[in-house]
Protein backbone atom coordinates (compact mmCIF):
# COMPACT_ATOMS: atom_id res chain seq x y z
CA MET A 1 0.00 0.00 0.00
CA ASN A 2 1.26 3.46 -0.86
CA ASP A 3 1.35 5.57 2.32
CA ALA A 4 2.57 8.78 0.68
CA LYS A 5 0.77 11.96 1.65
CA THR A 6 -1.25 13.32 -1.27
CA MET A 7 -2.22 16.91 -1.98
CA LEU A 8 -4.22 18.79 -4.57
CA ILE A 9 -3.28 22.44 -5.08
CA VAL A 10 -6.04 24.57 -6.64
CA GLU A 11 -4.37 27.65 -8.09
CA GLN A 12 -4.78 29.40 -11.45
CA ASN A 13 -1.45 31.24 -11.44
CA PRO A 14 1.12 28.78 -12.89
CA GLU A 15 4.02 30.50 -11.10
CA VAL A 16 2.32 30.26 -7.72
CA ALA A 17 1.24 26.66 -8.39
CA GLY A 18 4.82 25.79 -9.31
CA VAL A 19 6.21 27.39 -6.15
CA MET A 20 3.73 25.52 -3.95
CA THR A 21 4.28 22.24 -5.78
CA ALA A 22 8.07 22.44 -5.36
CA HIS A 23 7.76 23.32 -1.69
CA PHE A 24 5.36 20.54 -0.73
CA GLN A 25 7.17 17.95 -2.83
CA ASP A 26 10.27 18.76 -0.78
CA LEU A 27 8.17 17.95 2.30
CA GLY A 28 7.27 14.53 0.91
CA TYR A 29 3.83 15.16 -0.59
CA GLN A 30 2.66 13.75 -3.89
CA VAL A 31 1.19 16.86 -5.50
CA ALA A 32 -1.40 17.32 -8.23
CA THR A 33 -2.69 20.70 -9.40
CA ALA A 34 -5.88 22.15 -10.84
CA PRO A 35 -6.53 25.72 -12.04
CA ASN A 36 -10.04 26.01 -10.58
CA ALA A 37 -12.59 24.22 -8.41
CA PRO A 38 -14.60 22.50 -11.18
CA ASP A 39 -11.42 20.91 -12.56
CA ALA A 40 -10.40 20.03 -9.02
CA MET A 41 -13.71 18.25 -8.50
CA ILE A 42 -12.91 15.74 -11.22
CA LYS A 43 -9.47 15.00 -9.81
CA ILE A 44 -10.86 14.69 -6.29
CA ARG A 45 -13.52 12.25 -7.41
CA LEU A 46 -11.09 10.02 -9.29
CA ALA A 47 -8.17 10.29 -6.85
CA PRO A 48 -9.14 11.72 -3.43
CA PRO A 49 -6.15 13.48 -1.84
CA HIS A 50 -5.43 13.74 1.85
CA VAL A 51 -5.67 17.52 1.69
CA VAL A 52 -6.67 20.28 -0.74
CA VAL A 53 -4.88 23.64 -0.65
CA MET A 54 -6.82 26.39 -2.42
CA GLY A 55 -5.95 30.02 -3.03
CA LEU A 56 -8.39 32.57 -1.65
CA THR A 57 -8.21 34.62 -4.86
CA THR A 58 -8.38 31.76 -7.38
CA PRO A 59 -10.85 32.81 -10.12
CA ARG A 60 -13.76 30.65 -11.25
CA LEU A 61 -15.13 29.31 -8.02
CA GLY A 62 -11.99 29.78 -5.99
CA GLY A 63 -11.64 30.67 -2.33
CA VAL A 64 -14.79 30.33 -0.24
CA ASP A 65 -16.97 29.61 -3.28
CA GLY A 66 -14.67 26.75 -4.26
CA LEU A 67 -14.67 25.49 -0.69
CA ARG A 68 -18.48 25.43 -0.73
CA LEU A 69 -18.48 23.44 -3.97
CA ILE A 70 -15.91 20.90 -2.82
CA ARG A 71 -17.45 20.45 0.63
CA ARG A 72 -20.89 20.09 -0.90
CA TRP A 73 -19.78 16.93 -2.73
CA HIS A 74 -17.01 15.79 -0.35
CA PRO A 75 -17.91 16.86 3.21
CA ASP A 76 -15.16 14.74 4.80
CA LEU A 77 -12.30 16.19 2.75
CA SER A 78 -9.84 18.55 4.47
CA VAL A 79 -9.50 21.89 2.68
CA VAL A 80 -7.03 24.65 3.53
CA LEU A 81 -7.60 28.17 2.19
CA THR A 82 -4.54 30.35 1.84
CA ASP A 83 -3.60 33.74 0.46
CA SER A 84 -1.29 32.12 -2.08
CA GLU A 85 -0.31 35.43 -3.70
CA ARG A 86 1.55 36.38 -0.52
CA LEU A 87 3.59 33.19 -0.25
CA PRO A 88 7.41 33.45 -0.61
CA ARG A 89 8.51 33.05 -4.22
CA ARG A 90 11.99 31.61 -3.66
CA ALA A 91 10.76 28.04 -3.29
CA THR A 92 12.47 25.64 -5.64
CA ALA A 93 13.05 21.93 -5.36
CA GLY A 94 15.91 21.33 -2.95
CA ALA A 95 16.11 25.00 -1.89
CA SER A 96 18.20 25.77 1.17
CA THR A 97 16.31 26.46 4.38
CA ASP A 98 19.28 27.93 6.25
CA ASP A 99 18.38 31.56 5.52
CA GLY A 100 15.02 31.59 7.29
CA TRP A 101 12.97 31.00 4.14
CA ALA A 102 11.40 27.88 5.66
CA GLU A 103 10.20 29.91 8.63
CA GLU A 104 7.98 31.97 6.32
CA TRP A 105 6.20 28.80 5.22
CA ARG A 106 5.94 27.23 8.66
CA PRO A 107 2.39 28.42 9.55
CA LEU A 108 0.98 27.02 6.30
CA ASP A 109 3.05 23.84 6.64
CA ARG A 110 1.64 23.18 10.11
CA LEU A 111 -1.91 23.83 8.96
CA VAL A 112 -1.54 21.52 5.97
CA GLU A 113 0.04 18.77 8.08
CA LEU A 114 -2.82 18.97 10.59
CA ALA A 115 -5.39 18.88 7.80
CA ALA A 116 -3.75 15.88 6.15
CA ALA A 117 -3.63 14.04 9.47
CA GLN A 118 -7.29 14.75 10.19
CA SER A 119 -8.54 13.95 6.71
CA ARG A 120 -10.98 11.08 6.59
CA SER A 121 -10.48 10.52 2.87
CA SER A 122 -8.67 7.28 1.99
CA ALA A 123 -6.68 8.16 -1.08
CA SER A 124 -4.60 4.99 -1.07
CA ASP A 125 -7.70 2.79 -1.09
CA THR A 126 -9.87 4.73 -3.53
CA ARG A 127 -7.36 6.19 -5.99
CA ARG A 128 -8.19 5.52 -9.63
CA GLU A 129 -5.37 5.67 -12.14
CA GLU A 130 -7.32 5.28 -15.39
CA PRO A 131 -7.68 8.34 -17.64
CA LEU A 132 -10.88 10.29 -17.15
CA HIS A 133 -12.23 9.53 -20.62
CA GLN A 134 -11.86 5.78 -19.92
CA HIS A 135 -13.75 5.92 -16.64
CA PRO A 136 -16.92 3.84 -17.09
CA ALA A 137 -19.13 6.35 -15.27
CA VAL A 138 -18.22 9.07 -17.78
CA VAL A 139 -19.34 7.16 -20.87
CA PRO A 140 -22.50 9.02 -21.94
CA LEU A 141 -25.60 6.84 -22.16
CA GLU A 142 -27.62 9.43 -24.08
CA GLN A 143 -27.20 12.77 -25.78
CA PRO A 144 -26.95 15.45 -23.07
CA ARG A 145 -29.95 17.79 -23.01
CA ILE A 146 -29.58 21.49 -22.26
CA LEU A 147 -32.34 24.00 -21.58
CA VAL A 148 -31.40 27.61 -22.39
CA VAL A 149 -33.46 30.22 -20.53
CA ASP A 150 -33.04 33.85 -21.64
CA ASP A 151 -35.50 36.62 -22.46
CA LEU A 152 -33.33 37.86 -25.37
CA GLU A 153 -34.03 35.97 -28.58
CA ASP A 154 -30.59 36.76 -30.02
CA MET A 155 -28.89 35.27 -26.98
CA ARG A 156 -31.09 32.16 -27.09
CA ASP A 157 -30.26 31.66 -30.76
CA LEU A 158 -26.55 32.25 -30.18
CA LEU A 159 -26.37 29.72 -27.37
CA ARG A 160 -28.51 27.18 -29.20
CA ASP A 161 -26.34 27.34 -32.32
CA PHE A 162 -23.14 27.00 -30.29
CA LEU A 163 -24.40 24.13 -28.14
CA GLU A 164 -25.88 22.19 -31.07
CA ARG A 165 -22.53 22.43 -32.87
CA GLU A 166 -20.96 20.93 -29.74
CA GLY A 167 -23.32 17.95 -29.97
CA TYR A 168 -25.95 18.79 -27.35
CA ALA A 169 -29.70 18.54 -27.71
CA VAL A 170 -30.99 22.03 -27.00
CA GLU A 171 -34.38 23.41 -25.95
CA VAL A 172 -35.00 27.11 -25.32
CA ALA A 173 -37.36 29.14 -23.13
CA GLY A 174 -37.96 32.89 -23.20
CA ASP A 175 -38.79 33.28 -19.51
CA ALA A 176 -38.63 31.46 -16.21
CA GLY A 177 -42.27 30.39 -16.30
CA SER A 178 -41.81 28.66 -19.65
CA ALA A 179 -38.67 26.96 -18.36
CA ILE A 180 -40.52 25.59 -15.34
CA SER A 181 -43.34 24.29 -17.52
CA LYS A 182 -40.87 22.58 -19.89
CA LEU A 183 -38.81 20.98 -17.14
CA ALA A 184 -40.76 17.71 -16.87
CA ARG A 185 -41.01 17.25 -20.64
CA VAL A 186 -37.44 18.16 -21.58
CA ARG A 187 -35.76 16.57 -18.51
CA PRO A 188 -32.56 18.58 -19.09
CA HIS A 189 -29.21 17.54 -17.72
CA VAL A 190 -28.09 21.18 -17.66
CA ILE A 191 -29.94 24.52 -17.56
CA LEU A 192 -28.32 27.77 -18.69
CA LEU A 193 -30.29 30.38 -16.76
CA ASP A 194 -30.10 34.13 -17.30
CA ILE A 195 -29.94 35.86 -13.94
CA SER A 196 -31.68 39.09 -15.06
CA MET A 197 -35.07 38.52 -16.68
CA PRO A 198 -38.38 40.38 -16.45
CA GLY A 199 -41.06 38.74 -14.36
CA LEU A 200 -39.75 35.83 -12.32
CA SER A 201 -36.05 36.52 -11.72
CA GLY A 202 -33.26 34.09 -12.42
CA ILE A 203 -32.67 33.60 -8.70
CA SER A 204 -36.33 32.76 -8.03
CA ALA A 205 -36.35 30.51 -11.08
CA LEU A 206 -33.22 28.73 -9.84
CA GLN A 207 -34.90 27.92 -6.54
CA GLN A 208 -38.08 26.68 -8.20
CA LEU A 209 -36.24 24.60 -10.82
CA ARG A 210 -34.04 23.01 -8.21
CA ALA A 211 -37.04 22.30 -6.00
CA ARG A 212 -38.75 20.46 -8.87
CA ASP A 213 -35.61 18.61 -10.01
CA PRO A 214 -32.77 18.61 -7.44
CA LYS A 215 -30.53 16.63 -9.81
CA VAL A 216 -30.52 19.18 -12.62
CA GLY A 217 -27.34 21.21 -12.98
CA VAL A 218 -27.80 24.98 -13.34
CA ILE A 219 -25.23 27.37 -14.78
CA MET A 220 -26.14 31.02 -14.35
CA VAL A 221 -25.57 33.50 -17.18
CA THR A 222 -24.78 36.99 -15.96
CA ARG A 223 -23.66 40.44 -16.99
CA LYS A 224 -20.45 41.74 -15.45
CA GLU A 225 -22.37 44.15 -13.21
CA ASP A 226 -24.40 41.23 -11.79
CA GLU A 227 -21.38 39.06 -10.99
CA ASN A 228 -21.62 39.49 -7.21
CA LEU A 229 -25.24 38.39 -7.40
CA ALA A 230 -24.24 35.41 -9.54
CA ARG A 231 -21.69 34.34 -6.95
CA ARG A 232 -24.41 34.29 -4.32
CA THR A 233 -26.46 31.87 -6.42
CA LEU A 234 -23.81 29.22 -5.79
CA ALA A 235 -25.11 28.95 -2.23
CA LEU A 236 -28.60 28.37 -3.66
CA GLY A 237 -27.52 25.37 -5.71
CA ALA A 238 -26.13 26.81 -8.95
CA PHE A 239 -23.11 24.86 -10.17
CA ASP A 240 -21.27 27.70 -11.89
CA TYR A 241 -21.84 31.00 -13.67
CA VAL A 242 -20.62 32.50 -16.94
CA ARG A 243 -20.32 36.16 -17.87
CA LYS A 244 -21.57 37.88 -21.01
CA PRO A 245 -20.10 38.06 -23.59
CA ILE A 246 -19.82 34.33 -23.15
CA ASP A 247 -16.48 32.56 -23.58
CA GLY A 248 -17.39 29.40 -25.49
CA ASN A 249 -14.42 27.40 -24.19
CA TYR A 250 -15.21 28.39 -20.61
CA LEU A 251 -18.86 27.43 -21.04
CA GLN A 252 -18.05 24.11 -22.69
CA ARG A 253 -15.63 23.18 -19.92
CA SER A 254 -18.16 24.07 -17.24
CA ILE A 255 -20.86 21.96 -18.93
CA GLN A 256 -18.50 19.01 -19.33
CA THR A 257 -17.44 19.23 -15.70
CA LEU A 258 -21.06 19.31 -14.57
CA LEU A 259 -22.00 16.33 -16.73
CA ILE A 260 -19.02 14.36 -15.42
CA MET A 261 -19.97 15.19 -11.84
CA ARG A 262 -23.52 13.99 -12.50
CA ALA A 263 -22.08 10.70 -13.75
CA LEU A 264 -19.58 10.24 -10.92
CA VAL A 265 -21.65 11.35 -7.94
CA PRO A 266 -24.53 9.16 -6.74
CA ALA A 267 -27.85 10.75 -7.66
CA ASP A 268 -29.17 10.73 -4.10
CA THR A 269 -26.39 13.08 -2.96
CA LEU A 270 -27.26 15.77 -5.48
CA SER A 271 -30.27 16.98 -3.53
CA GLN A 272 -28.60 17.14 -0.11
CA PRO A 273 -28.52 20.65 1.38
CA GLU A 274 -25.20 22.45 1.22
CA THR A 275 -23.17 22.94 4.35
CA LEU A 276 -20.12 25.16 4.70
CA THR A 277 -17.59 23.65 7.11
CA LEU A 278 -13.90 24.45 7.42
CA ALA A 279 -11.92 21.29 7.94
CA VAL A 280 -9.17 23.06 9.85
C-alpha cells in the first residue's frame, strides 16, 4: 500500500502553483494541481487526496466559493484556504532552508500537516489511475440535453447554435415560467439560466427549478455588473456561472465538468442541502 501523503493544489497562477508544488514535494507530498474548483472536483472524485490547498483569490469558483463546492460533494475532505499570492517566491526543489525562508512557510506547513492528518479521505484505497475519458461512469448513455433560458431571442439563438454544434440537444425558453413548464417534458441535464429577466427573476427561477428537479445542474448567465449576485447563487444550488459576452471554451468546460460530476456522484447526494464547514 502506498502511504505517501497526497495533496491537490487549486491555483490558477502557474508560477504560484509551481512554487507551492516544489515546496510541498520537498516535504514529501505527492502533488497534483488544478486551475479552478470545477477541474479540481474531477481529480478529487477520481483520486481523493489527503488535503486540498486552495488560493483565496483563485478565479472561477476559488476561495470560499470553491470550498463550498468541494465540501458540498465531499464533506469529509480537508481543505485549507490560503492567500497564495503572498507566499514566498523563492521556493524551488531542494532550496536551502538555512536563511530563514522555511520559517515563512511554517504556519501554512503546520496547517496543511494537521489537515492531512485529520482527513478522513482514503486516497490509497480509492485512488483511480485510469484516464478520465476511460472511466466507465463518464461514458454518456444518451445525448446530453440542455435548456437555455433567456429573455433575449438573439442570446437564445446564439447559445442554441453554439451548443448544437458541440453535440448537445438544446431546448430554449424565453422566460422562467416557460422553463418551469418545460422541465418535466425536456428533462434537461443542464440549464443555462439568465440571472436578469423580467417577471420571475433568475434567482427565483433557480430555486423553483431546483425544487422540482434537485438533480438538474444549473449554470447562471450573468452580466459583469451582476457578478456578485451570480456568486451568491452558488449557495442556492447553482453549479457555476458564466459572464456575457460568453467565452465558449469556458462554457463548454463548465458543462462538461457538470456532466461528469452527474455521472460520478450518486444521484441521491445531489439533492442534499449544502453545508459550509472548514476542515481546519
